[in-house]
Amino acid sequence: MDISIVAKRSGVPASTLRYYEEKGLIRSVGRKGLRRLFAADILERLALIALGRVAGFSLDEISSILGGGDNSNIDREMLITKATELDRTIQKLTDMRDGLQHAAACTAPSHLECPRFRRLMGLAASGAIKAQPLNKRVKQLL
């Protein structure tokens, strides 16, 4: 399959396909002039790469997970490790959401007089809650 067809069907730009090939994530099977040709299963491989990116894996991690080219031999231990990491992130975000909802509805005269809000402030001050923008965390989860 010609690189332009792969790009059109997958929604992955040709420049990204070339980069993925450079990183060893995908392989072309030949050339037609200067244009790369790919096997028919390239779309499935690209879908696996997209899933890995959505799950928050780096391209190097995805390369390690997928191995040399056999899509059926995915490193299960890395999947479990990432799922555990996502669970921790989800728990932190859930705790933050609950704390903010409580602060919004709290009947204390001021937020600084609310014990729960003060605990939330303490967690942030201690570094237990990273000062990373929320939208970046959400993107990592998606």
C-alpha atoms as a PDB file:
ATOM      1  CA  MET A   1       0.000   0.000   0.000  1.00  0.00           C
ATOM      2  CA  ASP A   2       1.434   3.381  -1.009  1.00  0.00           C
ATOM      3  CA  ILE A   3       2.306   5.825   1.800  1.00  0.00           C
ATOM      4  CA  SER A   4      -0.287   8.331   0.576  1.00  0.00           C
ATOM      5  CA  ILE A   5      -3.046   5.709   0.830  1.00  0.00           C
ATOM      6  CA  VAL A   6      -1.869   4.703   4.311  1.00  0.00           C
ATOM      7  CA  ALA A   7      -1.889   8.362   5.358  1.00  0.00           C
ATOM      8  CA  LYS A   8      -5.383   8.882   3.977  1.00  0.00           C
ATOM      9  CA  ARG A   9      -6.883   5.717   5.486  1.00  0.00           C
ATOM     10  CA  SER A  10      -5.207   6.031   8.872  1.00  0.00           C
ATOM     11  CA  GLY A  11      -5.348   9.797   9.287  1.00  0.00           C
ATOM     12  CA  VAL A  12      -1.641   9.735  10.143  1.00  0.00           C
ATOM     13  CA  PRO A  13       0.345  12.264   8.091  1.00  0.00           C
ATOM     14  CA  ALA A  14       3.033  10.893   5.768  1.00  0.00           C
ATOM     15  CA  SER A  15       5.672  12.804   7.738  1.00  0.00           C
ATOM     16  CA  THR A  16       4.604  10.951  10.890  1.00  0.00           C
ATOM     17  CA  LEU A  17       4.689   7.638   9.049  1.00  0.00           C
ATOM     18  CA  ARG A  18       8.263   8.374   7.973  1.00  0.00           C
ATOM     19  CA  TYR A  19       9.126   9.312  11.566  1.00  0.00           C
ATOM     20  CA  TYR A  20       7.528   6.109  12.896  1.00  0.00           C
ATOM     21  CA  GLU A  21       9.597   4.139  10.413  1.00  0.00           C
ATOM     22  CA  GLU A  22      12.742   5.976  11.513  1.00  0.00           C
ATOM     23  CA  LYS A  23      11.913   5.083  15.156  1.00  0.00           C
ATOM     24  CA  GLY A  24      11.376   1.431  14.214  1.00  0.00           C
ATOM     25  CA  LEU A  25       7.654   1.404  15.025  1.00  0.00           C
ATOM     26  CA  ILE A  26       6.656   0.463  11.477  1.00  0.00           C
ATOM     27  CA  ARG A  27       8.448  -0.922   8.430  1.00  0.00           C
ATOM     28  CA  SER A  28       7.945  -0.282   4.770  1.00  0.00           C
ATOM     29  CA  VAL A  29       8.088  -3.338   2.533  1.00  0.00           C
ATOM     30  CA  GLY A  30       9.587  -1.570  -0.449  1.00  0.00           C
ATOM     31  CA  ARG A  31       9.487   1.478  -2.634  1.00  0.00           C
ATOM     32  CA  LYS A  32       7.796   2.597  -5.790  1.00  0.00           C
ATOM     33  CA  GLY A  33      10.172   5.273  -6.968  1.00  0.00           C
ATOM     34  CA  LEU A  34      10.722   7.460  -3.904  1.00  0.00           C
ATOM     35  CA  ARG A  35       7.418   6.505  -2.272  1.00  0.00           C
ATOM     36  CA  ARG A  36       7.337   3.987   0.542  1.00  0.00           C
ATOM     37  CA  LEU A  37       5.100   0.934   0.287  1.00  0.00           C
ATOM     38  CA  PHE A  38       3.560  -0.791   3.294  1.00  0.00           C
ATOM     39  CA  ALA A  39       1.952  -4.186   3.863  1.00  0.00           C
ATOM     40  CA  ALA A  40      -1.822  -4.342   4.307  1.00  0.00           C
ATOM     41  CA  ASP A  41      -1.509  -4.913   8.082  1.00  0.00           C
ATOM     42  CA  ILE A  42       0.050  -1.454   8.553  1.00  0.00           C
ATOM     43  CA  LEU A  43      -3.340   0.043   9.452  1.00  0.00           C
ATOM     44  CA  GLU A  44      -3.702  -2.386  12.353  1.00  0.00           C
ATOM     45  CA  ARG A  45      -0.189  -1.554  13.544  1.00  0.00           C
ATOM     46  CA  LEU A  46      -0.966   2.166  13.367  1.00  0.00           C
ATOM     47  CA  ALA A  47      -4.163   1.574  15.363  1.00  0.00           C
ATOM     48  CA  LEU A  48      -2.089  -0.161  18.065  1.00  0.00           C
ATOM     49  CA  ILE A  49       0.350   2.762  18.101  1.00  0.00           C
ATOM     50  CA  ALA A  50      -2.573   5.199  18.400  1.00  0.00           C
ATOM     51  CA  LEU A  51      -4.006   3.188  21.291  1.00  0.00           C
ATOM     52  CA  GLY A  52      -0.636   3.266  23.029  1.00  0.00           C
ATOM     53  CA  ARG A  53      -0.390   7.047  22.592  1.00  0.00           C
ATOM     54  CA  VAL A  54      -3.906   7.537  23.941  1.00  0.00           C
ATOM     55  CA  ALA A  55      -3.013   5.380  26.960  1.00  0.00           C
ATOM     56  CA  GLY A  56      -0.062   7.674  27.665  1.00  0.00           C
ATOM     57  CA  PHE A  57       2.825   5.539  26.436  1.00  0.00           C
ATOM     58  CA  SER A  58       5.826   7.231  24.841  1.00  0.00           C
ATOM     59  CA  LEU A  59       6.869   6.126  21.364  1.00  0.00           C
ATOM     60  CA  ASP A  60       9.872   4.339  22.878  1.00  0.00           C
ATOM     61  CA  GLU A  61       7.575   2.465  25.257  1.00  0.00           C
ATOM     62  CA  ILE A  62       5.236   1.573  22.396  1.00  0.00           C
ATOM     63  CA  SER A  63       8.191   0.270  20.408  1.00  0.00           C
ATOM     64  CA  SER A  64       9.177  -1.897  23.352  1.00  0.00           C
ATOM     65  CA  ILE A  65       5.612  -3.119  23.896  1.00  0.00           C
ATOM     66  CA  LEU A  66       5.039  -4.041  20.261  1.00  0.00           C
ATOM     67  CA  GLY A  67       8.447  -5.590  19.777  1.00  0.00           C
ATOM     68  CA  GLY A  68       9.838  -6.438  16.400  1.00  0.00           C
ATOM     69  CA  GLY A  69       6.660  -6.457  14.378  1.00  0.00           C
ATOM     70  CA  ASP A  70       4.407  -9.231  15.652  1.00  0.00           C
ATOM     71  CA  ASN A  71       1.275  -7.370  16.756  1.00  0.00           C
ATOM     72  CA  SER A  72       0.057 -10.375  18.715  1.00  0.00           C
ATOM     73  CA  ASN A  73       3.051 -10.433  21.090  1.00  0.00           C
ATOM     74  CA  ILE A  74       2.370  -7.354  23.240  1.00  0.00           C
ATOM     75  CA  ASP A  75       4.335  -6.967  26.492  1.00  0.00           C
ATOM     76  CA  ARG A  76       1.605  -7.598  29.069  1.00  0.00           C
ATOM     77  CA  GLU A  77       3.745  -6.519  32.021  1.00  0.00           C
ATOM     78  CA  MET A  78       4.143  -3.024  30.566  1.00  0.00           C
ATOM     79  CA  LEU A  79       0.372  -2.866  30.071  1.00  0.00           C
ATOM     80  CA  ILE A  80      -0.207  -3.776  33.724  1.00  0.00           C
ATOM     81  CA  THR A  81       2.362  -1.198  34.860  1.00  0.00           C
ATOM     82  CA  LYS A  82       0.680   1.550  32.798  1.00  0.00           C
ATOM     83  CA  ALA A  83      -2.777   0.528  34.049  1.00  0.00           C
ATOM     84  CA  THR A  84      -1.514   0.817  37.638  1.00  0.00           C
ATOM     85  CA  GLU A  85      -0.037   4.242  36.878  1.00  0.00           C
ATOM     86  CA  LEU A  86      -3.350   5.349  35.368  1.00  0.00           C
ATOM     87  CA  ASP A  87      -5.187   4.097  38.466  1.00  0.00           C
ATOM     88  CA  ARG A  88      -2.963   6.303  40.656  1.00  0.00           C
ATOM     89  CA  THR A  89      -3.540   9.305  38.384  1.00  0.00           C
ATOM     90  CA  ILE A  90      -7.291   8.702  38.360  1.00  0.00           C
ATOM     91  CA  GLN A  91      -7.310   8.476  42.164  1.00  0.00           C
ATOM     92  CA  LYS A  92      -5.384  11.758  42.493  1.00  0.00           C
ATOM     93  CA  LEU A  93      -7.750  13.498  40.076  1.00  0.00           C
ATOM     94  CA  THR A  94     -10.796  12.047  41.854  1.00  0.00           C
ATOM     95  CA  ASP A  95      -9.492  13.245  45.215  1.00  0.00           C
ATOM     96  CA  MET A  96      -8.802  16.696  43.780  1.00  0.00           C
ATOM     97  CA  ARG A  97     -12.271  16.894  42.221  1.00  0.00           C
ATOM     98  CA  ASP A  98     -13.933  15.812  45.457  1.00  0.00           C
ATOM     99  CA  GLY A  99     -11.919  18.348  47.450  1.00  0.00           C
ATOM    100  CA  LEU A 100     -12.813  21.174  45.081  1.00  0.00           C
ATOM    101  CA  GLN A 101     -16.478  20.213  45.082  1.00  0.00           C
ATOM    102  CA  HIS A 102     -16.442  20.166  48.869  1.00  0.00           C
ATOM    103  CA  ALA A 103     -14.723  23.569  49.002  1.00  0.00           C
ATOM    104  CA  ALA A 104     -17.358  25.005  46.669  1.00  0.00           C
ATOM    105  CA  ALA A 105     -20.201  23.744  48.879  1.00  0.00           C
ATOM    106  CA  CYS A 106     -18.489  24.086  52.271  1.00  0.00           C
ATOM    107  CA  THR A 107     -20.409  26.088  54.873  1.00  0.00           C
ATOM    108  CA  ALA A 108     -17.276  27.227  56.737  1.00  0.00           C
ATOM    109  CA  PRO A 109     -17.052  31.025  56.975  1.00  0.00           C
ATOM    110  CA  SER A 110     -13.964  30.952  54.735  1.00  0.00           C
ATOM    111  CA  HIS A 111     -12.134  28.278  52.796  1.00  0.00           C
ATOM    112  CA  LEU A 112      -9.126  28.666  55.088  1.00  0.00           C
ATOM    113  CA  GLU A 113     -11.326  27.611  58.029  1.00  0.00           C
ATOM    114  CA  CYS A 114     -12.404  24.411  56.297  1.00  0.00           C
ATOM    115  CA  PRO A 115     -10.315  21.421  57.494  1.00  0.00           C
ATOM    116  CA  ARG A 116     -10.774  19.520  54.241  1.00  0.00           C
ATOM    117  CA  PHE A 117      -9.692  22.487  52.123  1.00  0.00           C
ATOM    118  CA  ARG A 118      -6.654  22.953  54.378  1.00  0.00           C
ATOM    119  CA  ARG A 119      -5.718  19.279  53.871  1.00  0.00           C
ATOM    120  CA  LEU A 120      -5.981  19.810  50.123  1.00  0.00           C
ATOM    121  CA  MET A 121      -3.692  22.844  50.414  1.00  0.00           C
ATOM    122  CA  GLY A 122      -1.250  20.788  52.474  1.00  0.00           C
ATOM    123  CA  LEU A 123      -1.134  18.047  49.855  1.00  0.00           C
ATOM    124  CA  ALA A 124      -0.408  20.613  47.159  1.00  0.00           C
ATOM    125  CA  ALA A 125       2.284  22.285  49.291  1.00  0.00           C
ATOM    126  CA  SER A 126       3.985  18.964  50.081  1.00  0.00           C
ATOM    127  CA  GLY A 127       4.199  18.046  46.405  1.00  0.00           C
ATOM    128  CA  ALA A 128       1.802  15.109  46.764  1.00  0.00           C
ATOM    129  CA  ILE A 129      -0.267  16.850  44.106  1.00  0.00           C
ATOM    130  CA  LYS A 130       1.890  17.955  41.192  1.00  0.00           C
ATOM    131  CA  ALA A 131       1.409  21.445  39.787  1.00  0.00           C
ATOM    132  CA  GLN A 132       0.921  20.061  36.280  1.00  0.00           C
ATOM    133  CA  PRO A 133      -1.880  21.639  34.237  1.00  0.00           C
ATOM    134  CA  LEU A 134      -5.035  19.565  34.475  1.00  0.00           C
ATOM    135  CA  ASN A 135      -5.535  19.479  30.712  1.00  0.00           C
ATOM    136  CA  LYS A 136      -2.130  17.821  30.297  1.00  0.00           C
ATOM    137  CA  ARG A 137      -3.103  15.134  32.833  1.00  0.00           C
ATOM    138  CA  VAL A 138      -6.372  14.538  31.043  1.00  0.00           C
ATOM    139  CA  LYS A 139      -4.571  14.249  27.692  1.00  0.00           C
ATOM    140  CA  GLN A 140      -2.277  11.647  29.261  1.00  0.00           C
ATOM    141  CA  LEU A 141      -5.316   9.663  30.306  1.00  0.00           C
ATOM    142  CA  LEU A 142      -7.019   9.852  26.913  1.00  0.00           C
END
